[in-house]
Amino acid sequence: MRLVIVIFTLLFSMAATATIDTYEFKDDATRERFQQLTNELRCPKCQNQNLAGSNSPIASDLRREIYRMVEDGQSDGQIVDFMVARYGEFVLYRPRVTGNTWILWYGPFVLLAIGAVVLLMLTRKRKKTAVIDKKLNEQDKARLATLLDKGKSK
């Protein structure tokens, strides 16, 4: 039984190391650009993994494509535009501000402003009610209570 466990452990550890891509870069700046791009772009197959952390075959292909584009001297914008044209806005962890994503970027602030306005209106209404209560003397309050009781009984 131990032999089987050891064999499976060795097989899985070999499979895990087989997915690591190795690329040679001409300088450290290019390597950092590659790493930044693969960290910022989402794997189209894996829901919450970036290209750098995904082991899927398509992520490996895309890393190879990004490496080729970086080595060809294309800018980050060109590479990101290529990925968006090919896989849509889904590949971006930080979607661009467009008409379709406007509510995603600014919606929480609009909801916060609406909440602040509603809170302000409720506070003012409560203050007005308190002022009305202070203006009524005991005789008026008793008369008001009598009238309200008559209204309830009908």
Foldseek 3Di string as FASTA:
>chain_A
DVVVVVVVVVVVVVVVVVQDDDDDDPDVVLVVLLVVLQQFWCDLVDQPHGLNPDSDPVSVVLSVVSNVCSRVPDDSVVSVVVVCVVRNQSGGPDGDDDPVCVCVVCVVVVVVVVVVVVVVVVVVVVVVVVVVVVPDDPVRVVVVVVVVVVVVVD
